[in-house]
Amino acid sequence: MVSQEERRRQLAREKFLRQQQRRTAARRKARTRNAVIASVLGVVLVGSVGLYATGVLKDDGDDKANTNAEASPSATSKAPDPCEKPAEGKAATATWKKEPAMTIDKSAKYTMRLDTTCGAIDIDLKASAAPHTVNSFSFLAGKGYFDHTKCHRLTTNGIYVLQCGDPTGQGTGGPGYTIPDENLKDKSLKDNVYPAGTVAMANTGQKNSGGSQFFLVYQDSPLPPSYTPFGTVSEAGMKVLKKIAGAGESTGAGDGAPNATVVIDKATVTKS
């Protein structure tokens, strides 16, 4: 006959086993979720195969309830467009066969200004830490490559970024060349988090596959340090990003085209 003490110990063991099973399941779910999050920023370079499948975040189920309320309006009620009409003009279609020659001064300070339909976004660039990236943006901006381009993706669940830099507006465009990954050990990247205000390169998930697409982080976002951080958004620019995020995205699932009409009318890189 089982004594009361033995029964108590048996129940305690069973409870412990149940806890361990739940923790194991939670860890497995977290690993899967992190892999999905890391893939969200995958982009397609010209002529390559896309890594992103539409609706990939729909499997996050339980996490939908945790969507940031300020940045993600209800899917059933679309917020009004807070932005103006784009300036007249068409996005560039030019491409280049190789990365442009280095022309920037790595020791100098550079800023990038995105004059968008939603307001100006000023960015301090990290020329010394990410010279290839800053040099490429200086070259492309000088060619008018970013002018009249849509910011084609807004994420509001799990990670919080606005993605831009594709003349096609579909996430499939690029300048025809790739640039190396840089600055992946930036002191701002702690505990696999890209802090709010970070500007970083999107890529295909492969090393050294960045092109022209980039993302602006409007709220701390858990991501592996695989995306070149090359700039920091100004305080005024962050208010613009928050306004864009506040209008939500088109799918209601946390990843889609911004409801706001976000178009870069003009991009300028300046040496200061």
C-alpha atoms as a PDB file:
ATOM      1  CA  MET A   1       0.000   0.000   0.000  1.00  0.00           C
ATOM      2  CA  VAL A   2       1.375   3.439  -0.972  1.00  0.00           C
ATOM      3  CA  SER A   3       1.912   5.720   1.994  1.00  0.00           C
ATOM      4  CA  GLN A   4       0.768   9.334   1.985  1.00  0.00           C
ATOM      5  CA  GLU A   5       4.371  10.531   1.813  1.00  0.00           C
ATOM      6  CA  GLU A   6       5.171   8.265  -1.156  1.00  0.00           C
ATOM      7  CA  ARG A   7       2.042   9.464  -2.918  1.00  0.00           C
ATOM      8  CA  ARG A   8       3.045  13.072  -2.307  1.00  0.00           C
ATOM      9  CA  ARG A   9       6.475  12.417  -3.822  1.00  0.00           C
ATOM     10  CA  GLN A  10       4.929  10.656  -6.825  1.00  0.00           C
ATOM     11  CA  LEU A  11       2.639  13.606  -7.483  1.00  0.00           C
ATOM     12  CA  ALA A  12       5.594  15.980  -7.158  1.00  0.00           C
ATOM     13  CA  ARG A  13       7.586  13.931  -9.699  1.00  0.00           C
ATOM     14  CA  GLU A  14       4.664  13.928 -12.120  1.00  0.00           C
ATOM     15  CA  LYS A  15       4.252  17.681 -11.732  1.00  0.00           C
ATOM     16  CA  PHE A  16       7.967  18.193 -12.390  1.00  0.00           C
ATOM     17  CA  LEU A  17       7.797  16.039 -15.524  1.00  0.00           C
ATOM     18  CA  ARG A  18       4.835  18.029 -16.820  1.00  0.00           C
ATOM     19  CA  GLN A  19       6.739  21.267 -16.228  1.00  0.00           C
ATOM     20  CA  GLN A  20       9.773  19.920 -18.073  1.00  0.00           C
ATOM     21  CA  GLN A  21       7.610  18.866 -21.021  1.00  0.00           C
ATOM     22  CA  ARG A  22       6.024  22.317 -21.196  1.00  0.00           C
ATOM     23  CA  ARG A  23       9.413  24.019 -21.042  1.00  0.00           C
ATOM     24  CA  THR A  24      10.802  21.767 -23.781  1.00  0.00           C
ATOM     25  CA  ALA A  25       7.795  22.528 -25.984  1.00  0.00           C
ATOM     26  CA  ALA A  26       8.170  26.253 -25.303  1.00  0.00           C
ATOM     27  CA  ARG A  27      11.860  26.186 -26.236  1.00  0.00           C
ATOM     28  CA  ARG A  28      11.066  24.305 -29.436  1.00  0.00           C
ATOM     29  CA  LYS A  29       8.377  26.863 -30.317  1.00  0.00           C
ATOM     30  CA  ALA A  30      10.766  29.737 -29.565  1.00  0.00           C
ATOM     31  CA  ARG A  31      13.451  28.285 -31.839  1.00  0.00           C
ATOM     32  CA  THR A  32      10.945  27.900 -34.644  1.00  0.00           C
ATOM     33  CA  ARG A  33       9.598  31.415 -34.106  1.00  0.00           C
ATOM     34  CA  ASN A  34      13.088  32.942 -34.098  1.00  0.00           C
ATOM     35  CA  ALA A  35      13.899  31.174 -37.368  1.00  0.00           C
ATOM     36  CA  VAL A  36      10.718  32.611 -38.891  1.00  0.00           C
ATOM     37  CA  ILE A  37      11.523  36.100 -37.620  1.00  0.00           C
ATOM     38  CA  ALA A  38      15.037  35.930 -39.069  1.00  0.00           C
ATOM     39  CA  SER A  39      13.625  34.996 -42.466  1.00  0.00           C
ATOM     40  CA  VAL A  40      11.133  37.864 -42.591  1.00  0.00           C
ATOM     41  CA  LEU A  41      13.824  40.316 -43.672  1.00  0.00           C
ATOM     42  CA  GLY A  42      15.003  38.105 -46.529  1.00  0.00           C
ATOM     43  CA  VAL A  43      14.817  39.939 -49.833  1.00  0.00           C
ATOM     44  CA  VAL A  44      15.202  38.969 -53.463  1.00  0.00           C
ATOM     45  CA  LEU A  45      18.065  40.315 -55.507  1.00  0.00           C
ATOM     46  CA  VAL A  46      17.562  40.698 -59.258  1.00  0.00           C
ATOM     47  CA  GLY A  47      17.366  37.272 -60.874  1.00  0.00           C
ATOM     48  CA  SER A  48      17.446  35.312 -57.582  1.00  0.00           C
ATOM     49  CA  VAL A  49      14.871  33.154 -55.806  1.00  0.00           C
ATOM     50  CA  GLY A  50      12.832  34.794 -53.022  1.00  0.00           C
ATOM     51  CA  LEU A  51      13.255  33.562 -49.450  1.00  0.00           C
ATOM     52  CA  TYR A  52      10.096  35.134 -48.115  1.00  0.00           C
ATOM     53  CA  ALA A  53       6.683  33.476 -48.452  1.00  0.00           C
ATOM     54  CA  THR A  54       3.594  35.622 -48.040  1.00  0.00           C
ATOM     55  CA  GLY A  55       1.860  35.054 -44.706  1.00  0.00           C
ATOM     56  CA  VAL A  56       4.818  33.334 -43.040  1.00  0.00           C
ATOM     57  CA  LEU A  57       3.979  34.998 -39.711  1.00  0.00           C
ATOM     58  CA  LYS A  58       0.465  33.622 -39.716  1.00  0.00           C
ATOM     59  CA  ASP A  59       1.717  30.513 -37.894  1.00  0.00           C
ATOM     60  CA  ASP A  60       2.591  32.577 -34.826  1.00  0.00           C
ATOM     61  CA  GLY A  61      -0.942  32.096 -33.441  1.00  0.00           C
ATOM     62  CA  ASP A  62      -0.475  32.805 -29.724  1.00  0.00           C
ATOM     63  CA  ASP A  63       1.803  35.764 -30.375  1.00  0.00           C
ATOM     64  CA  LYS A  64      -0.873  37.759 -32.228  1.00  0.00           C
ATOM     65  CA  ALA A  65      -2.381  38.827 -28.943  1.00  0.00           C
ATOM     66  CA  ASN A  66       0.923  40.467 -28.017  1.00  0.00           C
ATOM     67  CA  THR A  67       1.040  42.696 -31.110  1.00  0.00           C
ATOM     68  CA  ASN A  68       1.966  46.232 -30.151  1.00  0.00           C
ATOM     69  CA  ALA A  69      -1.344  48.085 -29.871  1.00  0.00           C
ATOM     70  CA  GLU A  70       0.090  51.445 -30.852  1.00  0.00           C
ATOM     71  CA  ALA A  71       1.784  50.131 -33.978  1.00  0.00           C
ATOM     72  CA  SER A  72      -0.810  47.635 -35.125  1.00  0.00           C
ATOM     73  CA  PRO A  73      -4.439  48.737 -35.514  1.00  0.00           C
ATOM     74  CA  SER A  74      -7.227  46.194 -35.734  1.00  0.00           C
ATOM     75  CA  ALA A  75      -7.320  44.298 -39.015  1.00  0.00           C
ATOM     76  CA  THR A  76     -11.016  45.103 -39.266  1.00  0.00           C
ATOM     77  CA  SER A  77     -10.585  48.898 -39.167  1.00  0.00           C
ATOM     78  CA  LYS A  78      -8.009  50.457 -41.452  1.00  0.00           C
ATOM     79  CA  ALA A  79      -6.492  53.622 -40.048  1.00  0.00           C
ATOM     80  CA  PRO A  80      -6.576  56.733 -42.249  1.00  0.00           C
ATOM     81  CA  ASP A  81      -3.542  57.380 -44.418  1.00  0.00           C
ATOM     82  CA  PRO A  82      -1.394  59.931 -42.525  1.00  0.00           C
ATOM     83  CA  CYS A  83       0.843  60.717 -45.515  1.00  0.00           C
ATOM     84  CA  GLU A  84       0.776  63.015 -48.523  1.00  0.00           C
ATOM     85  CA  LYS A  85       0.633  62.165 -52.218  1.00  0.00           C
ATOM     86  CA  PRO A  86       3.984  61.248 -53.816  1.00  0.00           C
ATOM     87  CA  ALA A  87       5.856  63.735 -55.954  1.00  0.00           C
ATOM     88  CA  GLU A  88       5.611  63.181 -59.680  1.00  0.00           C
ATOM     89  CA  GLY A  89       8.209  60.870 -61.142  1.00  0.00           C
ATOM     90  CA  LYS A  90       9.105  57.233 -61.618  1.00  0.00           C
ATOM     91  CA  ALA A  91      11.560  54.968 -59.839  1.00  0.00           C
ATOM     92  CA  ALA A  92      14.859  54.265 -61.570  1.00  0.00           C
ATOM     93  CA  THR A  93      15.426  51.025 -63.444  1.00  0.00           C
ATOM     94  CA  ALA A  94      19.210  51.212 -63.862  1.00  0.00           C
ATOM     95  CA  THR A  95      21.471  48.448 -62.553  1.00  0.00           C
ATOM     96  CA  TRP A  96      25.230  48.055 -62.331  1.00  0.00           C
ATOM     97  CA  LYS A  97      27.444  45.002 -62.755  1.00  0.00           C
ATOM     98  CA  LYS A  98      29.726  45.611 -59.788  1.00  0.00           C
ATOM     99  CA  GLU A  99      29.951  47.496 -56.526  1.00  0.00           C
ATOM    100  CA  PRO A 100      30.949  51.158 -57.043  1.00  0.00           C
ATOM    101  CA  ALA A 101      34.515  52.217 -56.368  1.00  0.00           C
ATOM    102  CA  MET A 102      35.198  53.592 -52.892  1.00  0.00           C
ATOM    103  CA  THR A 103      34.824  57.371 -52.976  1.00  0.00           C
ATOM    104  CA  ILE A 104      33.744  58.304 -49.452  1.00  0.00           C
ATOM    105  CA  ASP A 105      36.084  59.496 -46.728  1.00  0.00           C
ATOM    106  CA  LYS A 106      35.880  56.788 -44.067  1.00  0.00           C
ATOM    107  CA  SER A 107      36.947  59.226 -41.358  1.00  0.00           C
ATOM    108  CA  ALA A 108      34.276  61.807 -42.195  1.00  0.00           C
ATOM    109  CA  LYS A 109      30.687  62.080 -40.988  1.00  0.00           C
ATOM    110  CA  TYR A 110      27.853  61.396 -43.410  1.00  0.00           C
ATOM    111  CA  THR A 111      24.109  61.775 -43.103  1.00  0.00           C
ATOM    112  CA  MET A 112      21.291  60.476 -45.272  1.00  0.00           C
ATOM    113  CA  ARG A 113      18.013  62.336 -45.598  1.00  0.00           C
ATOM    114  CA  LEU A 114      14.919  60.570 -46.835  1.00  0.00           C
ATOM    115  CA  ASP A 115      12.321  63.107 -47.882  1.00  0.00           C
ATOM    116  CA  THR A 116       9.228  60.923 -47.762  1.00  0.00           C
ATOM    117  CA  THR A 117       5.524  61.514 -48.254  1.00  0.00           C
ATOM    118  CA  CYS A 118       5.153  61.008 -44.498  1.00  0.00           C
ATOM    119  CA  GLY A 119       7.890  63.424 -43.444  1.00  0.00           C
ATOM    120  CA  ALA A 120      11.670  63.744 -43.461  1.00  0.00           C
ATOM    121  CA  ILE A 121      13.773  60.951 -41.950  1.00  0.00           C
ATOM    122  CA  ASP A 122      17.337  61.971 -41.150  1.00  0.00           C
ATOM    123  CA  ILE A 123      19.902  59.235 -40.566  1.00  0.00           C
ATOM    124  CA  ASP A 124      23.429  59.451 -39.158  1.00  0.00           C
ATOM    125  CA  LEU A 125      25.550  57.029 -41.206  1.00  0.00           C
ATOM    126  CA  LYS A 126      28.379  54.888 -39.827  1.00  0.00           C
ATOM    127  CA  ALA A 127      30.996  55.472 -42.519  1.00  0.00           C
ATOM    128  CA  SER A 128      33.983  54.164 -40.565  1.00  0.00           C
ATOM    129  CA  ALA A 129      32.224  50.998 -39.368  1.00  0.00           C
ATOM    130  CA  ALA A 130      30.342  50.212 -42.603  1.00  0.00           C
ATOM    131  CA  PRO A 131      32.256  51.950 -45.414  1.00  0.00           C
ATOM    132  CA  HIS A 132      31.120  49.662 -48.256  1.00  0.00           C
ATOM    133  CA  THR A 133      27.478  50.140 -47.286  1.00  0.00           C
ATOM    134  CA  VAL A 134      27.688  53.900 -46.831  1.00  0.00           C
ATOM    135  CA  ASN A 135      29.681  54.249 -50.065  1.00  0.00           C
ATOM    136  CA  SER A 136      27.039  52.248 -51.935  1.00  0.00           C
ATOM    137  CA  PHE A 137      24.208  54.391 -50.550  1.00  0.00           C
ATOM    138  CA  SER A 138      26.102  57.555 -51.421  1.00  0.00           C
ATOM    139  CA  PHE A 139      26.530  56.275 -54.975  1.00  0.00           C
ATOM    140  CA  LEU A 140      22.913  55.131 -55.384  1.00  0.00           C
ATOM    141  CA  ALA A 141      21.453  58.277 -53.846  1.00  0.00           C
ATOM    142  CA  GLY A 142      23.610  60.352 -56.171  1.00  0.00           C
ATOM    143  CA  LYS A 143      22.127  58.467 -59.122  1.00  0.00           C
ATOM    144  CA  GLY A 144      18.573  59.106 -57.892  1.00  0.00           C
ATOM    145  CA  TYR A 145      18.114  55.369 -57.387  1.00  0.00           C
ATOM    146  CA  PHE A 146      15.907  55.702 -54.288  1.00  0.00           C
ATOM    147  CA  ASP A 147      13.812  58.592 -55.577  1.00  0.00           C
ATOM    148  CA  HIS A 148      10.104  57.805 -56.112  1.00  0.00           C
ATOM    149  CA  THR A 149      10.447  54.347 -54.489  1.00  0.00           C
ATOM    150  CA  LYS A 150       7.868  52.850 -52.140  1.00  0.00           C
ATOM    151  CA  CYS A 151       8.699  51.450 -48.740  1.00  0.00           C
ATOM    152  CA  HIS A 152       7.084  48.113 -49.448  1.00  0.00           C
ATOM    153  CA  ARG A 153       6.973  46.270 -46.120  1.00  0.00           C
ATOM    154  CA  LEU A 154       5.921  47.025 -42.549  1.00  0.00           C
ATOM    155  CA  THR A 155       6.115  44.425 -39.788  1.00  0.00           C
ATOM    156  CA  THR A 156       4.128  44.892 -36.588  1.00  0.00           C
ATOM    157  CA  ASN A 157       4.378  41.496 -34.907  1.00  0.00           C
ATOM    158  CA  GLY A 158       7.546  40.005 -33.409  1.00  0.00           C
ATOM    159  CA  ILE A 159       9.814  42.485 -35.164  1.00  0.00           C
ATOM    160  CA  TYR A 160       9.046  46.119 -35.853  1.00  0.00           C
ATOM    161  CA  VAL A 161      10.579  47.460 -39.035  1.00  0.00           C
ATOM    162  CA  LEU A 162       9.828  49.444 -42.166  1.00  0.00           C
ATOM    163  CA  GLN A 163      11.604  48.066 -45.235  1.00  0.00           C
ATOM    164  CA  CYS A 164      12.538  50.264 -48.202  1.00  0.00           C
ATOM    165  CA  GLY A 165      15.035  50.595 -51.035  1.00  0.00           C
ATOM    166  CA  ASP A 166      13.438  48.533 -53.805  1.00  0.00           C
ATOM    167  CA  PRO A 167      12.553  50.397 -57.027  1.00  0.00           C
ATOM    168  CA  THR A 168      10.074  47.649 -57.962  1.00  0.00           C
ATOM    169  CA  GLY A 169       8.132  48.140 -54.718  1.00  0.00           C
ATOM    170  CA  GLN A 170       7.695  44.360 -54.519  1.00  0.00           C
ATOM    171  CA  GLY A 171      10.731  43.251 -52.507  1.00  0.00           C
ATOM    172  CA  THR A 172      12.359  41.783 -55.612  1.00  0.00           C
ATOM    173  CA  GLY A 173      14.582  44.629 -56.810  1.00  0.00           C
ATOM    174  CA  GLY A 174      18.242  45.457 -56.401  1.00  0.00           C
ATOM    175  CA  PRO A 175      21.074  47.447 -57.974  1.00  0.00           C
ATOM    176  CA  GLY A 176      22.593  44.464 -59.804  1.00  0.00           C
ATOM    177  CA  TYR A 177      25.523  44.100 -57.412  1.00  0.00           C
ATOM    178  CA  THR A 178      25.969  42.998 -53.812  1.00  0.00           C
ATOM    179  CA  ILE A 179      28.009  44.437 -50.956  1.00  0.00           C
ATOM    180  CA  PRO A 180      29.763  42.681 -48.068  1.00  0.00           C
ATOM    181  CA  ASP A 181      28.307  42.360 -44.588  1.00  0.00           C
ATOM    182  CA  GLU A 182      29.816  44.879 -42.177  1.00  0.00           C
ATOM    183  CA  ASN A 183      29.688  46.018 -38.562  1.00  0.00           C
ATOM    184  CA  LEU A 184      27.920  42.879 -37.297  1.00  0.00           C
ATOM    185  CA  LYS A 185      29.557  43.318 -33.883  1.00  0.00           C
ATOM    186  CA  ASP A 186      28.294  46.860 -33.423  1.00  0.00           C
ATOM    187  CA  LYS A 187      28.118  47.704 -29.734  1.00  0.00           C
ATOM    188  CA  SER A 188      24.449  48.676 -30.137  1.00  0.00           C
ATOM    189  CA  LEU A 189      23.484  45.071 -30.937  1.00  0.00           C
ATOM    190  CA  LYS A 190      23.036  43.401 -27.566  1.00  0.00           C
ATOM    191  CA  ASP A 191      21.344  40.089 -26.800  1.00  0.00           C
ATOM    192  CA  ASN A 192      20.304  39.618 -30.457  1.00  0.00           C
ATOM    193  CA  VAL A 193      18.223  42.788 -30.449  1.00  0.00           C
ATOM    194  CA  TYR A 194      18.300  45.573 -33.030  1.00  0.00           C
ATOM    195  CA  PRO A 195      17.327  48.649 -30.995  1.00  0.00           C
ATOM    196  CA  ALA A 196      14.796  51.228 -32.111  1.00  0.00           C
ATOM    197  CA  GLY A 197      16.370  53.758 -34.448  1.00  0.00           C
ATOM    198  CA  THR A 198      18.703  51.274 -36.147  1.00  0.00           C
ATOM    199  CA  VAL A 199      18.991  51.345 -39.933  1.00  0.00           C
ATOM    200  CA  ALA A 200      20.306  48.069 -41.353  1.00  0.00           C
ATOM    201  CA  MET A 201      20.661  46.167 -44.603  1.00  0.00           C
ATOM    202  CA  ALA A 202      18.177  43.521 -45.655  1.00  0.00           C
ATOM    203  CA  ASN A 203      19.635  40.451 -47.348  1.00  0.00           C
ATOM    204  CA  THR A 204      18.701  37.072 -48.827  1.00  0.00           C
ATOM    205  CA  GLY A 205      19.791  35.135 -45.752  1.00  0.00           C
ATOM    206  CA  GLN A 206      23.168  34.423 -47.327  1.00  0.00           C
ATOM    207  CA  LYS A 207      26.417  36.137 -46.378  1.00  0.00           C
ATOM    208  CA  ASN A 208      27.404  39.262 -48.292  1.00  0.00           C
ATOM    209  CA  SER A 209      24.097  39.393 -50.190  1.00  0.00           C
ATOM    210  CA  GLY A 210      22.995  42.954 -49.409  1.00  0.00           C
ATOM    211  CA  GLY A 211      21.919  45.134 -52.324  1.00  0.00           C
ATOM    212  CA  SER A 212      19.845  48.302 -51.973  1.00  0.00           C
ATOM    213  CA  GLN A 213      17.032  47.202 -49.652  1.00  0.00           C
ATOM    214  CA  PHE A 214      17.252  48.333 -46.042  1.00  0.00           C
ATOM    215  CA  PHE A 215      15.060  48.491 -42.973  1.00  0.00           C
ATOM    216  CA  LEU A 216      14.406  51.068 -40.275  1.00  0.00           C
ATOM    217  CA  VAL A 217      13.650  49.756 -36.780  1.00  0.00           C
ATOM    218  CA  TYR A 218      10.919  51.720 -34.998  1.00  0.00           C
ATOM    219  CA  GLN A 219      10.792  49.492 -31.894  1.00  0.00           C
ATOM    220  CA  ASP A 220      13.374  47.129 -30.368  1.00  0.00           C
ATOM    221  CA  SER A 221      13.337  43.959 -32.477  1.00  0.00           C
ATOM    222  CA  PRO A 222      14.818  40.502 -31.736  1.00  0.00           C
ATOM    223  CA  LEU A 223      17.023  39.543 -34.680  1.00  0.00           C
ATOM    224  CA  PRO A 224      20.304  37.688 -35.077  1.00  0.00           C
ATOM    225  CA  PRO A 225      23.286  39.956 -35.866  1.00  0.00           C
ATOM    226  CA  SER A 226      23.218  39.128 -39.583  1.00  0.00           C
ATOM    227  CA  TYR A 227      22.100  42.466 -41.001  1.00  0.00           C
ATOM    228  CA  THR A 228      24.648  45.270 -41.440  1.00  0.00           C
ATOM    229  CA  PRO A 229      23.739  48.168 -39.099  1.00  0.00           C
ATOM    230  CA  PHE A 230      24.885  51.302 -40.894  1.00  0.00           C
ATOM    231  CA  GLY A 231      22.892  54.200 -39.497  1.00  0.00           C
ATOM    232  CA  THR A 232      20.774  55.687 -36.718  1.00  0.00           C
ATOM    233  CA  VAL A 233      17.501  57.556 -37.195  1.00  0.00           C
ATOM    234  CA  SER A 234      17.134  61.013 -35.669  1.00  0.00           C
ATOM    235  CA  GLU A 235      14.549  61.762 -32.980  1.00  0.00           C
ATOM    236  CA  ALA A 236      12.352  63.614 -35.481  1.00  0.00           C
ATOM    237  CA  GLY A 237      12.717  60.729 -37.926  1.00  0.00           C
ATOM    238  CA  MET A 238      11.521  58.293 -35.264  1.00  0.00           C
ATOM    239  CA  LYS A 239       8.293  60.276 -34.934  1.00  0.00           C
ATOM    240  CA  VAL A 240       7.748  59.810 -38.664  1.00  0.00           C
ATOM    241  CA  LEU A 241       8.348  56.066 -38.361  1.00  0.00           C
ATOM    242  CA  LYS A 242       5.905  55.828 -35.454  1.00  0.00           C
ATOM    243  CA  LYS A 243       3.289  57.638 -37.531  1.00  0.00           C
ATOM    244  CA  ILE A 244       3.764  55.153 -40.363  1.00  0.00           C
ATOM    245  CA  ALA A 245       3.618  52.193 -37.997  1.00  0.00           C
ATOM    246  CA  GLY A 246       0.512  53.600 -36.331  1.00  0.00           C
ATOM    247  CA  ALA A 247      -1.401  53.262 -39.595  1.00  0.00           C
ATOM    248  CA  GLY A 248      -0.692  49.519 -39.630  1.00  0.00           C
ATOM    249  CA  GLU A 249      -0.112  47.140 -42.511  1.00  0.00           C
ATOM    250  CA  SER A 250      -2.373  45.701 -45.173  1.00  0.00           C
ATOM    251  CA  THR A 251      -2.761  42.063 -44.100  1.00  0.00           C
ATOM    252  CA  GLY A 252      -3.656  42.497 -40.435  1.00  0.00           C
ATOM    253  CA  ALA A 253      -1.323  39.561 -39.710  1.00  0.00           C
ATOM    254  CA  GLY A 254       1.680  41.664 -38.750  1.00  0.00           C
ATOM    255  CA  ASP A 255       3.568  41.699 -42.054  1.00  0.00           C
ATOM    256  CA  GLY A 256       2.517  43.410 -45.263  1.00  0.00           C
ATOM    257  CA  ALA A 257       2.514  46.620 -47.256  1.00  0.00           C
ATOM    258  CA  PRO A 258       2.119  49.735 -45.089  1.00  0.00           C
ATOM    259  CA  ASN A 259      -1.360  51.217 -45.029  1.00  0.00           C
ATOM    260  CA  ALA A 260       0.361  54.592 -45.137  1.00  0.00           C
ATOM    261  CA  THR A 261       1.512  55.775 -48.553  1.00  0.00           C
ATOM    262  CA  VAL A 262       5.255  55.710 -47.818  1.00  0.00           C
ATOM    263  CA  VAL A 263       7.237  56.910 -50.820  1.00  0.00           C
ATOM    264  CA  ILE A 264      10.767  58.292 -50.805  1.00  0.00           C
ATOM    265  CA  ASP A 265      10.446  61.398 -52.968  1.00  0.00           C
ATOM    266  CA  LYS A 266      14.153  62.145 -52.637  1.00  0.00           C
ATOM    267  CA  ALA A 267      17.152  60.529 -50.939  1.00  0.00           C
ATOM    268  CA  THR A 268      20.307  62.542 -50.292  1.00  0.00           C
ATOM    269  CA  VAL A 269      23.623  61.522 -48.731  1.00  0.00           C
ATOM    270  CA  THR A 270      25.712  64.451 -47.460  1.00  0.00           C
ATOM    271  CA  LYS A 271      29.217  64.700 -46.058  1.00  0.00           C
ATOM    272  CA  SER A 272      29.230  66.926 -42.978  1.00  0.00           C
END
